[in-house]
All heavy atoms as atom14 arrays in JSON, in Angstrom:
{
  "sequence": "DEAKKIAQTAMQQRIEADVKRVLIPRIKEQLSEANKVLFGSEKYHVNP",
  "atom14_mask": [
    [1, 1, 1, 1, 1, 1, 1, 1, 0, 0, 0, 0, 0, 0],
    [1, 1, 1, 1, 1, 1, 1, 1, 1, 0, 0, 0, 0, 0],
    [1, 1, 1, 1, 1, 0, 0, 0, 0, 0, 0, 0, 0, 0],
    [1, 1, 1, 1, 1, 1, 1, 1, 1, 0, 0, 0, 0, 0],
    [1, 1, 1, 1, 1, 1, 1, 1, 1, 0, 0, 0, 0, 0],
    [1, 1, 1, 1, 1, 1, 1, 1, 0, 0, 0, 0, 0, 0],
    [1, 1, 1, 1, 1, 0, 0, 0, 0, 0, 0, 0, 0, 0],
    [1, 1, 1, 1, 1, 1, 1, 1, 1, 0, 0, 0, 0, 0],
    [1, 1, 1, 1, 1, 1, 1, 0, 0, 0, 0, 0, 0, 0],
    [1, 1, 1, 1, 1, 0, 0, 0, 0, 0, 0, 0, 0, 0],
    [1, 1, 1, 1, 1, 1, 1, 1, 0, 0, 0, 0, 0, 0],
    [1, 1, 1, 1, 1, 1, 1, 1, 1, 0, 0, 0, 0, 0],
    [1, 1, 1, 1, 1, 1, 1, 1, 1, 0, 0, 0, 0, 0],
    [1, 1, 1, 1, 1, 1, 1, 1, 1, 1, 1, 0, 0, 0],
    [1, 1, 1, 1, 1, 1, 1, 1, 0, 0, 0, 0, 0, 0],
    [1, 1, 1, 1, 1, 1, 1, 1, 1, 0, 0, 0, 0, 0],
    [1, 1, 1, 1, 1, 0, 0, 0, 0, 0, 0, 0, 0, 0],
    [1, 1, 1, 1, 1, 1, 1, 1, 0, 0, 0, 0, 0, 0],
    [1, 1, 1, 1, 1, 1, 1, 0, 0, 0, 0, 0, 0, 0],
    [1, 1, 1, 1, 1, 1, 1, 1, 1, 0, 0, 0, 0, 0],
    [1, 1, 1, 1, 1, 1, 1, 1, 1, 1, 1, 0, 0, 0],
    [1, 1, 1, 1, 1, 1, 1, 0, 0, 0, 0, 0, 0, 0],
    [1, 1, 1, 1, 1, 1, 1, 1, 0, 0, 0, 0, 0, 0],
    [1, 1, 1, 1, 1, 1, 1, 1, 0, 0, 0, 0, 0, 0],
    [1, 1, 1, 1, 1, 1, 1, 0, 0, 0, 0, 0, 0, 0],
    [1, 1, 1, 1, 1, 1, 1, 1, 1, 1, 1, 0, 0, 0],
    [1, 1, 1, 1, 1, 1, 1, 1, 0, 0, 0, 0, 0, 0],
    [1, 1, 1, 1, 1, 1, 1, 1, 1, 0, 0, 0, 0, 0],
    [1, 1, 1, 1, 1, 1, 1, 1, 1, 0, 0, 0, 0, 0],
    [1, 1, 1, 1, 1, 1, 1, 1, 1, 0, 0, 0, 0, 0],
    [1, 1, 1, 1, 1, 1, 1, 1, 0, 0, 0, 0, 0, 0],
    [1, 1, 1, 1, 1, 1, 0, 0, 0, 0, 0, 0, 0, 0],
    [1, 1, 1, 1, 1, 1, 1, 1, 1, 0, 0, 0, 0, 0],
    [1, 1, 1, 1, 1, 0, 0, 0, 0, 0, 0, 0, 0, 0],
    [1, 1, 1, 1, 1, 1, 1, 1, 0, 0, 0, 0, 0, 0],
    [1, 1, 1, 1, 1, 1, 1, 1, 1, 0, 0, 0, 0, 0],
    [1, 1, 1, 1, 1, 1, 1, 0, 0, 0, 0, 0, 0, 0],
    [1, 1, 1, 1, 1, 1, 1, 1, 0, 0, 0, 0, 0, 0],
    [1, 1, 1, 1, 1, 1, 1, 1, 1, 1, 1, 0, 0, 0],
    [1, 1, 1, 1, 0, 0, 0, 0, 0, 0, 0, 0, 0, 0],
    [1, 1, 1, 1, 1, 1, 0, 0, 0, 0, 0, 0, 0, 0],
    [1, 1, 1, 1, 1, 1, 1, 1, 1, 0, 0, 0, 0, 0],
    [1, 1, 1, 1, 1, 1, 1, 1, 1, 0, 0, 0, 0, 0],
    [1, 1, 1, 1, 1, 1, 1, 1, 1, 1, 1, 1, 0, 0],
    [1, 1, 1, 1, 1, 1, 1, 1, 1, 1, 0, 0, 0, 0],
    [1, 1, 1, 1, 1, 1, 1, 0, 0, 0, 0, 0, 0, 0],
    [1, 1, 1, 1, 1, 1, 1, 1, 0, 0, 0, 0, 0, 0],
    [1, 1, 1, 1, 1, 1, 1, 0, 0, 0, 0, 0, 0, 0]
  ],
  "atom14_positions": [
    [[123.45, 100.97, 122.29], [122.65, 99.81, 122.49], [121.04, 100.21, 122.54], [120.19, 99.48, 122.12], [122.92, 99.07, 123.74], [124.16, 98.38, 123.64], [124.74, 98.09, 122.47], [124.83, 98.11, 124.7], [0.0, 0.0, 0.0], [0.0, 0.0, 0.0], [0.0, 0.0, 0.0], [0.0, 0.0, 0.0], [0.0, 0.0, 0.0], [0.0, 0.0, 0.0]],
    [[120.84, 101.39, 123.15], [119.44, 101.89, 123.24], [118.76, 102.14, 121.83], [117.69, 101.69, 121.58], [119.38, 103.13, 124.05], [117.97, 103.72, 124.36], [117.98, 104.87, 125.14], [118.97, 105.37, 125.66], [116.89, 105.4, 125.43], [0.0, 0.0, 0.0], [0.0, 0.0, 0.0], [0.0, 0.0, 0.0], [0.0, 0.0, 0.0], [0.0, 0.0, 0.0]],
    [[119.55, 102.65, 120.97], [119.11, 102.96, 119.58], [118.84, 101.72, 118.9], [117.86, 101.62, 118.16], [119.98, 103.86, 118.8], [0.0, 0.0, 0.0], [0.0, 0.0, 0.0], [0.0, 0.0, 0.0], [0.0, 0.0, 0.0], [0.0, 0.0, 0.0], [0.0, 0.0, 0.0], [0.0, 0.0, 0.0], [0.0, 0.0, 0.0], [0.0, 0.0, 0.0]],
    [[119.63, 100.74, 118.98], [119.47, 99.45, 118.36], [118.25, 98.71, 118.89], [117.49, 98.11, 118.18], [120.7, 98.6, 118.51], [121.95, 99.01, 117.81], [123.13, 98.2, 118.26], [124.41, 98.69, 117.42], [125.67, 97.86, 117.73], [0.0, 0.0, 0.0], [0.0, 0.0, 0.0], [0.0, 0.0, 0.0], [0.0, 0.0, 0.0], [0.0, 0.0, 0.0]],
    [[118.05, 98.88, 120.22], [116.81, 98.18, 120.8], [115.52, 98.9, 120.32], [114.6, 98.23, 120.08], [116.88, 98.27, 122.33], [115.8, 97.45, 123.04], [116.16, 97.35, 124.58], [114.89, 96.61, 125.26], [115.25, 96.57, 126.76], [0.0, 0.0, 0.0], [0.0, 0.0, 0.0], [0.0, 0.0, 0.0], [0.0, 0.0, 0.0], [0.0, 0.0, 0.0]],
    [[115.51, 100.23, 120.25], [114.45, 100.88, 119.71], [114.06, 100.5, 118.29], [112.95, 100.17, 117.89], [114.75, 102.47, 119.82], [114.69, 102.96, 121.22], [113.52, 103.22, 118.98], [115.08, 104.33, 121.35], [0.0, 0.0, 0.0], [0.0, 0.0, 0.0], [0.0, 0.0, 0.0], [0.0, 0.0, 0.0], [0.0, 0.0, 0.0], [0.0, 0.0, 0.0]],
    [[115.1, 100.35, 117.46], [114.9, 99.96, 116.04], [114.36, 98.44, 116.04], [113.44, 98.21, 115.21], [116.14, 100.04, 115.31], [0.0, 0.0, 0.0], [0.0, 0.0, 0.0], [0.0, 0.0, 0.0], [0.0, 0.0, 0.0], [0.0, 0.0, 0.0], [0.0, 0.0, 0.0], [0.0, 0.0, 0.0], [0.0, 0.0, 0.0], [0.0, 0.0, 0.0]],
    [[114.84, 97.61, 116.85], [114.45, 96.24, 116.91], [113.02, 96.21, 117.37], [112.13, 95.47, 116.73], [115.27, 95.42, 117.81], [116.74, 95.03, 117.21], [117.44, 93.94, 118.14], [116.81, 93.16, 118.79], [118.68, 94.05, 118.17], [0.0, 0.0, 0.0], [0.0, 0.0, 0.0], [0.0, 0.0, 0.0], [0.0, 0.0, 0.0], [0.0, 0.0, 0.0]],
    [[112.61, 96.94, 118.27], [111.41, 96.98, 118.82], [110.35, 97.4, 117.67], [109.22, 96.76, 117.62], [110.97, 97.77, 120.09], [112.03, 97.36, 121.05], [109.7, 97.86, 120.51], [0.0, 0.0, 0.0], [0.0, 0.0, 0.0], [0.0, 0.0, 0.0], [0.0, 0.0, 0.0], [0.0, 0.0, 0.0], [0.0, 0.0, 0.0], [0.0, 0.0, 0.0]],
    [[110.7, 98.4, 117.0], [109.83, 98.98, 115.91], [109.55, 97.94, 114.85], [108.43, 97.76, 114.28], [110.51, 100.13, 115.28], [0.0, 0.0, 0.0], [0.0, 0.0, 0.0], [0.0, 0.0, 0.0], [0.0, 0.0, 0.0], [0.0, 0.0, 0.0], [0.0, 0.0, 0.0], [0.0, 0.0, 0.0], [0.0, 0.0, 0.0], [0.0, 0.0, 0.0]],
    [[110.67, 97.3, 114.44], [110.54, 96.17, 113.42], [109.64, 95.04, 113.92], [108.8, 94.57, 113.21], [111.9, 95.65, 113.05], [112.62, 96.54, 112.09], [114.13, 95.91, 111.39], [115.27, 95.72, 112.86], [0.0, 0.0, 0.0], [0.0, 0.0, 0.0], [0.0, 0.0, 0.0], [0.0, 0.0, 0.0], [0.0, 0.0, 0.0], [0.0, 0.0, 0.0]],
    [[109.9, 94.68, 115.2], [109.14, 93.48, 115.76], [107.66, 93.83, 115.8], [106.7, 92.96, 115.46], [109.62, 93.07, 117.09], [109.11, 91.75, 117.7], [107.82, 91.97, 118.46], [107.56, 93.13, 118.92], [106.99, 90.98, 118.58], [0.0, 0.0, 0.0], [0.0, 0.0, 0.0], [0.0, 0.0, 0.0], [0.0, 0.0, 0.0], [0.0, 0.0, 0.0]],
    [[107.32, 95.14, 116.32], [105.91, 95.45, 116.32], [105.16, 95.6, 114.94], [104.23, 95.19, 114.84], [105.88, 96.7, 117.1], [106.2, 96.8, 118.52], [106.19, 98.01, 119.17], [106.18, 99.12, 118.64], [106.17, 98.11, 120.61], [0.0, 0.0, 0.0], [0.0, 0.0, 0.0], [0.0, 0.0, 0.0], [0.0, 0.0, 0.0], [0.0, 0.0, 0.0]],
    [[106.06, 96.04, 113.92], [105.43, 96.0, 112.58], [105.06, 94.66, 112.09], [104.11, 94.41, 111.55], [106.38, 96.86, 111.75], [106.17, 96.69, 110.24], [105.03, 97.5, 109.67], [104.75, 97.17, 108.34], [105.57, 97.68, 107.31], [106.41, 98.66, 107.53], [105.14, 97.39, 106.04], [0.0, 0.0, 0.0], [0.0, 0.0, 0.0], [0.0, 0.0, 0.0]],
    [[106.08, 93.76, 112.29], [105.85, 92.28, 111.84], [104.74, 91.67, 112.37], [103.85, 91.04, 111.84], [107.15, 91.55, 111.81], [108.23, 92.2, 111.02], [106.99, 90.13, 111.42], [109.72, 91.61, 111.36], [0.0, 0.0, 0.0], [0.0, 0.0, 0.0], [0.0, 0.0, 0.0], [0.0, 0.0, 0.0], [0.0, 0.0, 0.0], [0.0, 0.0, 0.0]],
    [[104.55, 91.94, 113.79], [103.44, 91.32, 114.58], [102.15, 91.89, 114.13], [101.22, 91.03, 113.86], [103.69, 91.53, 116.13], [102.51, 90.88, 116.86], [102.77, 90.96, 118.34], [103.95, 91.06, 118.87], [101.76, 90.66, 119.09], [0.0, 0.0, 0.0], [0.0, 0.0, 0.0], [0.0, 0.0, 0.0], [0.0, 0.0, 0.0], [0.0, 0.0, 0.0]],
    [[102.15, 93.17, 113.81], [100.85, 93.72, 113.34], [100.5, 93.18, 111.95], [99.3, 92.9, 111.68], [100.97, 95.27, 113.26], [0.0, 0.0, 0.0], [0.0, 0.0, 0.0], [0.0, 0.0, 0.0], [0.0, 0.0, 0.0], [0.0, 0.0, 0.0], [0.0, 0.0, 0.0], [0.0, 0.0, 0.0], [0.0, 0.0, 0.0], [0.0, 0.0, 0.0]],
    [[101.47, 92.99, 111.09], [101.28, 92.48, 109.74], [100.77, 91.09, 109.86], [99.91, 90.71, 108.91], [102.53, 92.67, 108.86], [102.76, 94.13, 108.49], [101.81, 94.94, 108.58], [103.84, 94.41, 108.05], [0.0, 0.0, 0.0], [0.0, 0.0, 0.0], [0.0, 0.0, 0.0], [0.0, 0.0, 0.0], [0.0, 0.0, 0.0], [0.0, 0.0, 0.0]],
    [[101.54, 90.2, 110.7], [101.08, 88.87, 110.85], [99.55, 88.83, 111.09], [98.67, 87.98, 110.48], [101.82, 88.14, 112.07], [101.24, 86.79, 112.26], [103.18, 88.01, 111.32], [0.0, 0.0, 0.0], [0.0, 0.0, 0.0], [0.0, 0.0, 0.0], [0.0, 0.0, 0.0], [0.0, 0.0, 0.0], [0.0, 0.0, 0.0], [0.0, 0.0, 0.0]],
    [[99.07, 89.59, 112.14], [97.65, 89.63, 112.56], [96.79, 90.13, 111.49], [95.59, 89.79, 111.19], [97.53, 90.43, 113.86], [98.27, 89.78, 114.95], [98.05, 90.67, 116.28], [98.71, 90.1, 117.5], [98.76, 91.04, 118.67], [0.0, 0.0, 0.0], [0.0, 0.0, 0.0], [0.0, 0.0, 0.0], [0.0, 0.0, 0.0], [0.0, 0.0, 0.0]],
    [[97.16, 91.16, 110.66], [96.36, 91.89, 109.8], [96.34, 91.21, 108.41], [95.25, 91.1, 107.72], [96.88, 93.28, 109.53], [96.13, 94.18, 108.41], [96.8, 95.56, 108.41], [98.21, 95.44, 107.82], [98.55, 95.35, 106.65], [97.58, 95.44, 105.56], [99.81, 95.34, 106.11], [0.0, 0.0, 0.0], [0.0, 0.0, 0.0], [0.0, 0.0, 0.0]],
    [[97.5, 90.64, 107.87], [97.55, 90.08, 106.63], [97.54, 88.62, 106.58], [96.82, 87.99, 105.8], [98.99, 90.62, 106.01], [99.05, 89.93, 104.51], [99.02, 92.11, 105.94], [0.0, 0.0, 0.0], [0.0, 0.0, 0.0], [0.0, 0.0, 0.0], [0.0, 0.0, 0.0], [0.0, 0.0, 0.0], [0.0, 0.0, 0.0], [0.0, 0.0, 0.0]],
    [[98.37, 87.96, 107.43], [98.65, 86.56, 107.41], [97.37, 85.72, 107.99], [96.81, 84.89, 107.32], [99.83, 86.17, 108.07], [100.22, 84.52, 108.15], [100.3, 84.11, 106.86], [101.48, 84.39, 109.0], [0.0, 0.0, 0.0], [0.0, 0.0, 0.0], [0.0, 0.0, 0.0], [0.0, 0.0, 0.0], [0.0, 0.0, 0.0], [0.0, 0.0, 0.0]],
    [[96.88, 86.12, 109.13], [95.93, 85.17, 109.86], [94.63, 85.34, 109.14], [93.97, 84.18, 109.03], [95.84, 85.75, 111.36], [97.14, 85.55, 112.21], [94.58, 85.06, 112.08], [97.63, 84.21, 112.13], [0.0, 0.0, 0.0], [0.0, 0.0, 0.0], [0.0, 0.0, 0.0], [0.0, 0.0, 0.0], [0.0, 0.0, 0.0], [0.0, 0.0, 0.0]],
    [[94.17, 86.35, 108.57], [92.88, 86.25, 107.83], [92.94, 85.19, 106.67], [91.9, 84.66, 106.34], [92.56, 87.67, 107.35], [93.27, 88.58, 108.38], [94.57, 87.72, 108.84], [0.0, 0.0, 0.0], [0.0, 0.0, 0.0], [0.0, 0.0, 0.0], [0.0, 0.0, 0.0], [0.0, 0.0, 0.0], [0.0, 0.0, 0.0], [0.0, 0.0, 0.0]],
    [[94.09, 85.18, 106.08], [94.24, 84.23, 104.91], [94.12, 82.7, 105.5], [93.62, 81.91, 104.74], [95.66, 84.4, 104.3], [95.76, 85.64, 103.45], [97.12, 85.65, 102.82], [97.38, 86.79, 101.91], [98.04, 86.65, 100.8], [98.48, 85.51, 100.3], [98.31, 87.71, 100.06], [0.0, 0.0, 0.0], [0.0, 0.0, 0.0], [0.0, 0.0, 0.0]],
    [[94.63, 82.58, 106.64], [94.58, 81.15, 107.2], [93.02, 80.85, 107.54], [92.56, 79.86, 107.18], [95.47, 81.04, 108.4], [96.88, 81.4, 108.19], [95.3, 79.62, 109.12], [97.5, 80.63, 107.03], [0.0, 0.0, 0.0], [0.0, 0.0, 0.0], [0.0, 0.0, 0.0], [0.0, 0.0, 0.0], [0.0, 0.0, 0.0], [0.0, 0.0, 0.0]],
    [[92.4, 81.76, 108.18], [90.99, 81.55, 108.6], [90.09, 81.19, 107.38], [89.25, 80.42, 107.46], [90.42, 82.76, 109.25], [91.12, 82.92, 110.64], [90.47, 84.2, 111.39], [91.03, 84.29, 112.8], [90.37, 85.55, 113.5], [0.0, 0.0, 0.0], [0.0, 0.0, 0.0], [0.0, 0.0, 0.0], [0.0, 0.0, 0.0], [0.0, 0.0, 0.0]],
    [[90.41, 81.8, 106.3], [89.57, 81.62, 105.11], [89.74, 80.14, 104.52], [88.79, 79.67, 103.91], [89.98, 82.46, 103.88], [89.72, 84.04, 104.1], [90.24, 84.89, 102.96], [90.81, 84.26, 101.97], [90.1, 86.04, 103.07], [0.0, 0.0, 0.0], [0.0, 0.0, 0.0], [0.0, 0.0, 0.0], [0.0, 0.0, 0.0], [0.0, 0.0, 0.0]],
    [[90.76, 79.45, 104.86], [91.02, 78.06, 104.46], [90.37, 76.92, 105.38], [90.42, 75.77, 105.02], [92.5, 77.76, 104.26], [93.24, 78.72, 103.51], [94.65, 78.51, 103.46], [95.25, 77.47, 103.56], [95.46, 79.56, 103.26], [0.0, 0.0, 0.0], [0.0, 0.0, 0.0], [0.0, 0.0, 0.0], [0.0, 0.0, 0.0], [0.0, 0.0, 0.0]],
    [[89.86, 77.32, 106.47], [89.49, 76.41, 107.46], [87.99, 76.18, 107.47], [87.16, 76.95, 106.95], [89.84, 76.95, 108.95], [91.31, 77.26, 109.15], [91.5, 77.82, 110.56], [92.17, 76.01, 108.83], [0.0, 0.0, 0.0], [0.0, 0.0, 0.0], [0.0, 0.0, 0.0], [0.0, 0.0, 0.0], [0.0, 0.0, 0.0], [0.0, 0.0, 0.0]],
    [[87.59, 75.03, 107.89], [86.22, 74.77, 108.2], [85.61, 75.59, 109.22], [86.26, 76.22, 110.07], [85.9, 73.18, 108.62], [86.6, 73.06, 109.95], [0.0, 0.0, 0.0], [0.0, 0.0, 0.0], [0.0, 0.0, 0.0], [0.0, 0.0, 0.0], [0.0, 0.0, 0.0], [0.0, 0.0, 0.0], [0.0, 0.0, 0.0], [0.0, 0.0, 0.0]],
    [[84.24, 75.74, 109.27], [83.6, 76.65, 110.2], [83.89, 76.12, 111.67], [84.04, 76.88, 112.6], [82.09, 76.48, 110.01], [81.53, 77.25, 108.79], [82.12, 78.69, 108.65], [81.94, 79.43, 109.78], [82.58, 79.25, 107.64], [0.0, 0.0, 0.0], [0.0, 0.0, 0.0], [0.0, 0.0, 0.0], [0.0, 0.0, 0.0], [0.0, 0.0, 0.0]],
    [[83.96, 74.74, 111.93], [84.19, 74.09, 113.16], [85.73, 74.57, 113.68], [85.88, 74.66, 114.91], [84.22, 72.66, 113.2], [0.0, 0.0, 0.0], [0.0, 0.0, 0.0], [0.0, 0.0, 0.0], [0.0, 0.0, 0.0], [0.0, 0.0, 0.0], [0.0, 0.0, 0.0], [0.0, 0.0, 0.0], [0.0, 0.0, 0.0], [0.0, 0.0, 0.0]],
    [[86.68, 74.8, 112.82], [87.96, 75.07, 113.17], [88.28, 76.72, 113.15], [89.11, 77.08, 113.99], [89.07, 74.45, 112.27], [89.16, 72.94, 112.57], [88.89, 72.53, 113.74], [89.58, 72.2, 111.64], [0.0, 0.0, 0.0], [0.0, 0.0, 0.0], [0.0, 0.0, 0.0], [0.0, 0.0, 0.0], [0.0, 0.0, 0.0], [0.0, 0.0, 0.0]],
    [[87.37, 77.42, 112.36], [87.54, 78.89, 112.56], [87.13, 79.31, 113.88], [87.87, 80.33, 114.41], [86.58, 79.46, 111.54], [86.94, 79.43, 110.13], [86.05, 80.17, 109.15], [86.49, 80.09, 107.73], [85.38, 80.66, 106.9], [0.0, 0.0, 0.0], [0.0, 0.0, 0.0], [0.0, 0.0, 0.0], [0.0, 0.0, 0.0], [0.0, 0.0, 0.0]],
    [[86.2, 78.75, 114.62], [85.85, 79.2, 115.91], [86.84, 78.97, 116.94], [86.77, 79.43, 118.13], [84.4, 78.59, 116.42], [83.46, 78.79, 115.34], [84.46, 77.08, 116.47], [0.0, 0.0, 0.0], [0.0, 0.0, 0.0], [0.0, 0.0, 0.0], [0.0, 0.0, 0.0], [0.0, 0.0, 0.0], [0.0, 0.0, 0.0], [0.0, 0.0, 0.0]],
    [[87.89, 78.29, 116.69], [88.95, 78.01, 117.65], [89.84, 79.17, 117.76], [90.57, 79.32, 118.95], [89.9, 76.82, 117.18], [89.17, 75.35, 117.04], [90.12, 74.48, 116.44], [88.51, 75.04, 118.27], [0.0, 0.0, 0.0], [0.0, 0.0, 0.0], [0.0, 0.0, 0.0], [0.0, 0.0, 0.0], [0.0, 0.0, 0.0], [0.0, 0.0, 0.0]],
    [[89.8, 80.18, 116.98], [90.49, 81.42, 117.02], [89.8, 82.27, 118.03], [88.47, 82.17, 118.16], [90.67, 82.1, 115.67], [91.76, 81.38, 114.76], [91.36, 80.39, 114.03], [92.98, 82.11, 114.79], [92.42, 80.02, 113.12], [94.0, 81.48, 114.08], [93.73, 80.47, 113.26], [0.0, 0.0, 0.0], [0.0, 0.0, 0.0], [0.0, 0.0, 0.0]],
    [[90.39, 83.22, 118.62], [89.76, 84.32, 119.44], [90.39, 84.71, 120.73], [90.32, 85.76, 121.19], [0.0, 0.0, 0.0], [0.0, 0.0, 0.0], [0.0, 0.0, 0.0], [0.0, 0.0, 0.0], [0.0, 0.0, 0.0], [0.0, 0.0, 0.0], [0.0, 0.0, 0.0], [0.0, 0.0, 0.0], [0.0, 0.0, 0.0], [0.0, 0.0, 0.0]],
    [[91.12, 83.69, 121.33], [91.73, 83.88, 122.69], [93.25, 83.67, 122.63], [93.9, 83.54, 123.61], [91.06, 82.97, 123.7], [91.15, 81.65, 123.49], [0.0, 0.0, 0.0], [0.0, 0.0, 0.0], [0.0, 0.0, 0.0], [0.0, 0.0, 0.0], [0.0, 0.0, 0.0], [0.0, 0.0, 0.0], [0.0, 0.0, 0.0], [0.0, 0.0, 0.0]],
    [[93.71, 83.31, 121.31], [95.11, 83.01, 121.2], [96.1, 84.12, 121.39], [95.83, 85.29, 121.29], [95.37, 82.4, 119.91], [95.33, 83.42, 118.69], [94.03, 83.68, 118.08], [92.97, 83.08, 118.71], [93.79, 84.36, 117.2], [0.0, 0.0, 0.0], [0.0, 0.0, 0.0], [0.0, 0.0, 0.0], [0.0, 0.0, 0.0], [0.0, 0.0, 0.0]],
    [[97.3, 83.79, 122.02], [98.42, 84.74, 122.09], [99.27, 84.51, 120.98], [99.57, 83.43, 120.44], [99.12, 84.34, 123.49], [98.38, 84.63, 124.76], [99.2, 84.22, 125.93], [98.37, 84.42, 127.25], [99.26, 84.02, 128.38], [0.0, 0.0, 0.0], [0.0, 0.0, 0.0], [0.0, 0.0, 0.0], [0.0, 0.0, 0.0], [0.0, 0.0, 0.0]],
    [[99.91, 85.74, 120.59], [100.83, 85.68, 119.43], [102.37, 85.91, 119.9], [102.56, 86.86, 120.76], [100.45, 86.71, 118.47], [99.19, 86.3, 117.56], [97.93, 86.57, 118.05], [99.34, 85.6, 116.42], [96.79, 86.28, 117.3], [98.2, 85.28, 115.78], [96.88, 85.56, 116.2], [95.9, 85.17, 115.41], [0.0, 0.0, 0.0], [0.0, 0.0, 0.0]],
    [[103.24, 85.26, 119.31], [104.67, 85.4, 119.65], [105.36, 85.45, 118.4], [105.76, 84.49, 117.68], [105.16, 84.17, 120.54], [104.24, 83.86, 121.74], [104.53, 84.25, 122.95], [103.25, 82.95, 121.75], [103.64, 83.8, 123.79], [102.83, 83.0, 123.05], [0.0, 0.0, 0.0], [0.0, 0.0, 0.0], [0.0, 0.0, 0.0], [0.0, 0.0, 0.0]],
    [[105.49, 86.75, 117.93], [106.07, 87.09, 116.52], [107.51, 87.5, 116.82], [107.83, 88.54, 117.43], [105.29, 88.04, 115.88], [105.85, 88.34, 114.52], [103.79, 87.53, 115.75], [0.0, 0.0, 0.0], [0.0, 0.0, 0.0], [0.0, 0.0, 0.0], [0.0, 0.0, 0.0], [0.0, 0.0, 0.0], [0.0, 0.0, 0.0], [0.0, 0.0, 0.0]],
    [[108.45, 86.76, 116.16], [109.91, 87.11, 116.34], [110.35, 87.39, 117.77], [110.69, 88.58, 118.2], [110.28, 88.24, 115.4], [110.39, 87.91, 113.96], [109.82, 86.78, 113.58], [111.05, 88.74, 113.21], [0.0, 0.0, 0.0], [0.0, 0.0, 0.0], [0.0, 0.0, 0.0], [0.0, 0.0, 0.0], [0.0, 0.0, 0.0], [0.0, 0.0, 0.0]],
    [[110.01, 86.42, 118.68], [110.19, 86.68, 120.1], [111.52, 87.16, 120.57], [111.56, 87.87, 121.5], [109.87, 85.36, 120.74], [109.13, 84.55, 119.67], [109.66, 85.1, 118.36], [0.0, 0.0, 0.0], [0.0, 0.0, 0.0], [0.0, 0.0, 0.0], [0.0, 0.0, 0.0], [0.0, 0.0, 0.0], [0.0, 0.0, 0.0], [0.0, 0.0, 0.0]]
  ]
}
């Protein structure tokens, strides 16, 4: 169970990092300036 948990954690951390690095910048590019500034203090819940 410990080994499975370590593997799951590694995958989850990689996916969360990629969401922030790859996905979110793409979204911000599509938004108006008024809505871009809404980002900055949000919490991320990736594959919780």
